[in-house]
Amino acid sequence: MEEKIKNDLKRFSQVFFKIAIVFGAIISVLTLADSNGTIRKYLAGFFIVAMSLSGAMNVGDVGSNQETVLNLEEDLIKVVRVIDGDTIVVEPDVHVRLLGIDAPEIGECFYQESREILTELIQDKEVILEKDISDKDIFGRLLRYIFLSDNKLFVNEYLLKEGCADVLPLDRNRIYRRLLTSGRNQAITERKGMWDACEGKEKEAETIFPLETNDAPISSECLIKGNISEHGYGRTYFLPDDPTYKKVKISFNKGEQFFCTEEEAEEAGYRKATTSY
């Protein structure tokens, strides 16, 4: 009912605007002819009323649209359609492009798979949208990070971990940059999704956006990995028999290091890993 009223007001505003244009044209002709002063006054009155009504209706409509956009940032939004592996439509018919990731385009390897995985994950579910620096792309789509409302799953990261997309190079939106890059590199290492299905994809990825550093130990006697987590776990060390040891990458540039003993790692402020991540 409310939507019908809005549409009716919009149609009426267009009618008033057209009437105002006609009145304005007549007033201009009479003014040039320098005659019918009384008629000009009446027409001018109608012109002002028509323009005022048209403007008031349009302002109400614009205000409603702005309120809808603002609510997208505050409320839980339902996903109504998945277009491809990195683009969705949320209520009320707003296109959203997932920030920081780049899924295969139509006709490319793993396009259908990435679209199906995203559809199964969020179709008809409520999500939370989070903005970074950029608001929209050149096509008018909102640029957002997306989280499932029920379990707070970070959808952008999940798609990268499953090998459904690559990270966008030279992206100025960097709130979750390291987290997204880590997920992407993990998928490449484990050859998941398109990194296994698409021939030459890994080589292409290395050229566009190199894998993060994975430095080797200096000594064969010092193999304990001292990792600085990007997931909020702090400084953690991993023993060679830990089930996640091979997945943990060490970057000397980040301040990470290898230790010879557990005592040495603990003295440096690291704690022993108790769960995988």
Protein backbone atom coordinates (compact mmCIF):
# COMPACT_ATOMS: atom_id res chain seq x y z
CA MET A 1 0.00 0.00 0.00
CA GLU A 2 2.79 2.40 0.98
CA GLU A 3 4.67 1.63 -2.23
CA LYS A 4 1.53 2.32 -4.30
CA ILE A 5 1.08 5.72 -2.63
CA LYS A 6 4.68 6.63 -3.41
CA ASN A 7 4.24 5.68 -7.06
CA ASP A 8 1.01 7.69 -7.32
CA LEU A 9 2.70 10.76 -5.82
CA LYS A 10 5.54 10.39 -8.27
CA ARG A 11 3.11 10.30 -11.22
CA PHE A 12 1.21 13.35 -9.90
CA SER A 13 4.46 15.29 -9.52
CA GLN A 14 5.29 14.60 -13.15
CA VAL A 15 1.84 15.85 -14.23
CA PHE A 16 2.18 19.05 -12.17
CA PHE A 17 5.63 19.63 -13.61
CA LYS A 18 4.31 19.39 -17.18
CA ILE A 19 1.43 21.75 -16.36
CA ALA A 20 3.92 24.19 -14.86
CA ILE A 21 5.98 24.15 -18.06
CA VAL A 22 2.88 24.97 -20.13
CA PHE A 23 1.93 27.84 -17.82
CA GLY A 24 5.48 29.14 -17.92
CA ALA A 25 5.45 29.15 -21.73
CA ILE A 26 2.12 31.01 -21.86
CA ILE A 27 3.33 33.62 -19.36
CA SER A 28 6.45 34.17 -21.43
CA VAL A 29 4.41 34.75 -24.62
CA LEU A 30 2.02 37.17 -22.89
CA THR A 31 4.92 39.05 -21.34
CA LEU A 32 6.60 39.47 -24.72
CA ALA A 33 3.28 40.73 -26.15
CA ASP A 34 2.96 43.14 -23.19
CA SER A 35 -0.76 42.45 -22.79
CA ASN A 36 -3.34 40.67 -20.61
CA GLY A 37 -1.72 41.62 -17.30
CA THR A 38 -4.58 40.12 -15.24
CA ILE A 39 -4.37 36.79 -17.05
CA ARG A 40 -0.62 36.76 -16.53
CA LYS A 41 -1.12 37.14 -12.78
CA TYR A 42 -3.53 34.20 -12.61
CA LEU A 43 -1.27 32.04 -14.74
CA ALA A 44 1.75 32.99 -12.63
CA GLY A 45 -0.18 31.90 -9.54
CA PHE A 46 -0.99 28.52 -11.09
CA PHE A 47 2.66 28.22 -12.17
CA ILE A 48 3.93 28.77 -8.63
CA VAL A 49 1.42 26.29 -7.13
CA ALA A 50 2.22 23.60 -9.71
CA MET A 51 5.99 23.97 -9.24
CA SER A 52 5.63 23.91 -5.44
CA LEU A 53 3.54 20.71 -5.46
CA SER A 54 5.90 19.02 -7.90
CA GLY A 55 8.94 19.98 -5.84
CA ALA A 56 7.37 18.84 -2.57
CA MET A 57 6.52 15.42 -3.99
CA ASN A 58 10.00 14.96 -5.43
CA VAL A 59 11.67 15.97 -2.16
CA GLY A 60 9.61 13.36 -0.34
CA ASP A 61 10.68 10.75 -2.85
CA VAL A 62 14.39 11.66 -2.60
CA GLY A 63 14.21 11.60 1.18
CA SER A 64 12.75 8.11 1.08
CA ASN A 65 15.58 6.86 -1.18
CA GLN A 66 18.25 8.35 1.09
CA GLU A 67 16.66 6.69 4.10
CA THR A 68 16.76 3.32 2.31
CA VAL A 69 20.49 3.68 1.57
CA LEU A 70 21.26 4.65 5.15
CA ASN A 71 19.33 1.66 6.47
CA LEU A 72 21.48 -0.63 4.31
CA GLU A 73 24.39 0.30 6.59
CA GLU A 74 22.47 -0.18 9.84
CA ASP A 75 20.06 -3.08 9.41
CA LEU A 76 20.13 -6.74 8.51
CA ILE A 77 19.56 -6.95 4.76
CA LYS A 78 18.11 -9.92 2.89
CA VAL A 79 19.89 -11.25 -0.19
CA VAL A 80 17.36 -11.71 -2.99
CA ARG A 81 19.61 -12.76 -5.86
CA VAL A 82 23.19 -13.80 -6.68
CA ILE A 83 24.43 -12.52 -10.03
CA ASP A 84 27.91 -14.07 -10.05
CA GLY A 85 30.71 -14.99 -7.68
CA ASP A 86 31.26 -11.44 -6.42
CA THR A 87 28.00 -9.56 -7.09
CA ILE A 88 24.63 -9.87 -5.36
CA VAL A 89 21.30 -8.06 -5.12
CA VAL A 90 19.82 -7.17 -1.72
CA GLU A 91 16.48 -5.68 -0.76
CA PRO A 92 15.12 -3.40 -2.13
CA ASP A 93 16.79 -4.24 -5.48
CA VAL A 94 20.23 -2.82 -4.60
CA HIS A 95 23.29 -4.26 -6.37
CA VAL A 96 26.29 -4.95 -4.13
CA ARG A 97 29.83 -5.81 -5.27
CA LEU A 98 31.91 -7.73 -2.71
CA LEU A 99 34.95 -5.66 -1.75
CA GLY A 100 38.49 -6.86 -2.24
CA ILE A 101 37.79 -9.96 -4.34
CA ASP A 102 37.54 -10.77 -8.03
CA ALA A 103 35.59 -13.88 -9.05
CA PRO A 104 35.69 -15.40 -12.57
CA GLU A 105 33.53 -13.64 -15.17
CA ILE A 106 30.91 -15.42 -17.27
CA GLY A 107 32.62 -17.72 -19.77
CA GLU A 108 35.77 -18.05 -17.64
CA CYS A 109 36.94 -21.16 -15.81
CA PHE A 110 35.14 -21.74 -12.48
CA TYR A 111 32.52 -19.02 -13.11
CA GLN A 112 29.54 -21.31 -12.57
CA GLU A 113 31.06 -23.03 -9.55
CA SER A 114 31.86 -19.78 -7.74
CA ARG A 115 28.36 -18.46 -8.43
CA GLU A 116 26.75 -21.64 -7.11
CA ILE A 117 28.87 -21.65 -3.95
CA LEU A 118 27.95 -18.03 -3.18
CA THR A 119 24.27 -18.73 -3.95
CA GLU A 120 24.17 -21.68 -1.57
CA LEU A 121 25.93 -19.63 1.09
CA ILE A 122 23.80 -16.46 1.17
CA GLN A 123 20.71 -16.73 -1.08
CA ASP A 124 17.57 -15.61 0.85
CA LYS A 125 19.63 -15.04 4.01
CA GLU A 126 20.14 -11.88 6.04
CA VAL A 127 23.56 -10.25 5.88
CA ILE A 128 25.44 -7.32 7.35
CA LEU A 129 27.12 -4.85 5.00
CA GLU A 130 30.33 -3.04 5.97
CA LYS A 131 31.83 -0.11 4.07
CA ASP A 132 35.52 0.71 3.59
CA ILE A 133 36.86 3.80 1.76
CA SER A 134 35.01 3.35 -1.54
CA ASP A 135 31.24 3.65 -1.62
CA LYS A 136 30.30 2.67 -5.19
CA ASP A 137 32.01 1.47 -8.36
CA ILE A 138 31.67 3.00 -11.83
CA PHE A 139 28.54 0.91 -12.44
CA GLY A 140 26.77 2.32 -9.39
CA ARG A 141 27.04 -0.87 -7.32
CA LEU A 142 27.65 -0.56 -3.59
CA LEU A 143 31.10 -1.81 -2.57
CA ARG A 144 30.88 -3.70 0.71
CA TYR A 145 32.29 -6.42 2.92
CA ILE A 146 29.55 -8.95 3.71
CA PHE A 147 28.95 -10.95 6.89
CA LEU A 148 26.24 -13.54 7.50
CA SER A 149 23.98 -12.33 10.29
CA ASP A 150 23.55 -15.69 12.04
CA ASN A 151 27.17 -16.80 12.48
CA LYS A 152 29.08 -13.63 11.42
CA LEU A 153 30.90 -15.56 8.68
CA PHE A 154 33.04 -13.17 6.63
CA VAL A 155 31.75 -14.01 3.14
CA ASN A 156 34.52 -12.23 1.20
CA GLU A 157 37.22 -14.19 3.05
CA TYR A 158 35.30 -17.46 2.77
CA LEU A 159 35.13 -17.22 -1.02
CA LEU A 160 38.88 -16.66 -1.20
CA LYS A 161 39.60 -19.59 1.12
CA GLU A 162 37.44 -21.84 -1.06
CA GLY A 163 39.29 -20.79 -4.22
CA CYS A 164 36.24 -19.07 -5.71
CA ALA A 165 37.99 -15.75 -6.32
CA ASP A 166 41.28 -13.90 -6.30
CA VAL A 167 42.14 -10.70 -4.45
CA LEU A 168 41.96 -7.39 -6.27
CA PRO A 169 45.46 -5.94 -6.86
CA LEU A 170 46.13 -2.28 -6.02
CA ASP A 171 42.88 -1.94 -4.10
CA ARG A 172 42.77 1.12 -1.80
CA ASN A 173 40.21 -0.53 0.50
CA ARG A 174 42.47 -2.16 3.05
CA ILE A 175 40.61 -2.81 6.32
CA TYR A 176 40.76 -6.58 5.77
CA ARG A 177 43.51 -6.61 3.15
CA ARG A 178 45.93 -8.91 4.97
CA LEU A 179 43.13 -11.23 6.06
CA LEU A 180 41.83 -11.56 2.50
CA THR A 181 45.32 -12.08 1.09
CA SER A 182 46.00 -14.77 3.65
CA GLY A 183 42.80 -16.61 2.70
CA ARG A 184 43.66 -16.42 -0.99
CA ASN A 185 47.19 -17.70 -0.43
CA GLN A 186 45.88 -20.56 1.69
CA ALA A 187 43.58 -21.65 -1.15
CA ILE A 188 46.47 -21.57 -3.63
CA THR A 189 48.70 -23.59 -1.31
CA GLU A 190 45.97 -26.18 -0.78
CA ARG A 191 44.97 -26.03 -4.48
CA LYS A 192 41.30 -25.46 -3.74
CA GLY A 193 38.60 -24.37 -6.14
CA MET A 194 39.82 -22.65 -9.30
CA TRP A 195 43.47 -23.07 -8.27
CA ASP A 196 43.04 -26.77 -8.92
CA ALA A 197 40.40 -26.74 -11.67
CA CYS A 198 41.79 -24.01 -13.92
CA GLU A 199 45.02 -24.75 -15.74
CA GLY A 200 47.62 -21.98 -15.49
CA LYS A 201 45.58 -20.01 -12.94
CA GLU A 202 48.22 -20.22 -10.22
CA LYS A 203 50.94 -18.93 -12.51
CA GLU A 204 48.69 -16.05 -13.58
CA ALA A 205 47.97 -15.20 -9.93
CA GLU A 206 51.66 -15.11 -9.09
CA THR A 207 52.21 -12.55 -11.85
CA ILE A 208 49.27 -10.31 -10.90
CA PHE A 209 49.62 -10.50 -7.13
CA PRO A 210 52.56 -12.51 -5.72
CA LEU A 211 52.10 -14.96 -2.88
CA GLU A 212 53.12 -13.77 0.55
CA THR A 213 56.63 -14.55 1.73
CA ASN A 214 57.27 -17.98 3.23
CA ASP A 215 60.83 -17.85 4.55
CA ALA A 216 62.76 -21.02 5.29
CA PRO A 217 64.54 -21.74 8.60
CA ILE A 218 68.17 -20.72 8.81
CA SER A 219 69.13 -23.85 10.73
CA SER A 220 67.78 -27.39 10.50
CA GLU A 221 67.88 -27.48 14.31
CA CYS A 222 65.62 -24.47 14.72
CA LEU A 223 62.28 -25.44 13.18
CA ILE A 224 59.73 -24.03 15.65
CA LYS A 225 57.64 -21.46 13.78
CA GLY A 226 56.92 -18.18 15.55
CA ASN A 227 53.84 -16.76 13.82
CA ILE A 228 52.21 -13.34 14.32
CA SER A 229 48.54 -13.96 13.63
CA GLU A 230 46.38 -11.75 11.43
CA HIS A 231 43.25 -13.24 13.03
CA GLY A 232 43.65 -11.80 16.52
CA TYR A 233 45.49 -14.75 18.10
CA GLY A 234 48.65 -12.76 18.79
CA ARG A 235 52.10 -14.39 18.79
CA THR A 236 51.94 -18.18 18.59
CA TYR A 237 54.57 -20.84 18.05
CA PHE A 238 54.05 -24.13 16.22
CA LEU A 239 56.00 -27.34 16.70
CA PRO A 240 56.84 -29.51 13.64
CA ASP A 241 54.35 -32.18 14.79
CA ASP A 242 51.47 -29.70 14.97
CA PRO A 243 48.76 -30.62 12.40
CA THR A 244 48.72 -27.04 11.05
CA TYR A 245 52.51 -26.63 10.94
CA LYS A 246 52.83 -26.92 7.15
CA LYS A 247 50.12 -24.31 6.55
CA VAL A 248 51.80 -21.69 8.73
CA LYS A 249 53.95 -19.26 6.73
CA ILE A 250 56.85 -17.33 8.21
CA SER A 251 57.76 -13.88 6.97
CA PHE A 252 60.89 -12.27 8.39
CA ASN A 253 59.62 -8.92 7.07
CA LYS A 254 56.65 -9.16 9.45
CA GLY A 255 58.90 -9.86 12.42
CA GLU A 256 58.16 -13.59 12.47
CA GLN A 257 60.95 -16.05 13.19
CA PHE A 258 62.07 -19.61 13.87
CA PHE A 259 63.08 -20.87 17.31
CA CYS A 260 65.29 -23.71 18.42
CA THR A 261 63.45 -24.45 21.67
CA GLU A 262 60.04 -23.80 23.22
CA GLU A 263 61.71 -21.88 26.05
CA GLU A 264 63.27 -19.52 23.52
CA ALA A 265 59.90 -18.92 21.85
CA GLU A 266 58.15 -18.23 25.17
CA GLU A 267 60.86 -15.79 26.24
CA ALA A 268 60.24 -13.89 23.00
CA GLY A 269 56.55 -13.50 23.91
CA TYR A 270 55.08 -16.40 21.94
CA ARG A 271 52.64 -18.95 23.32
CA LYS A 272 52.20 -22.54 22.20
CA ALA A 273 49.46 -23.18 19.63
CA THR A 274 46.60 -25.24 21.06
CA THR A 275 44.08 -25.07 18.19
CA SER A 276 44.39 -24.84 14.41
CA TYR A 277 43.33 -21.73 12.49
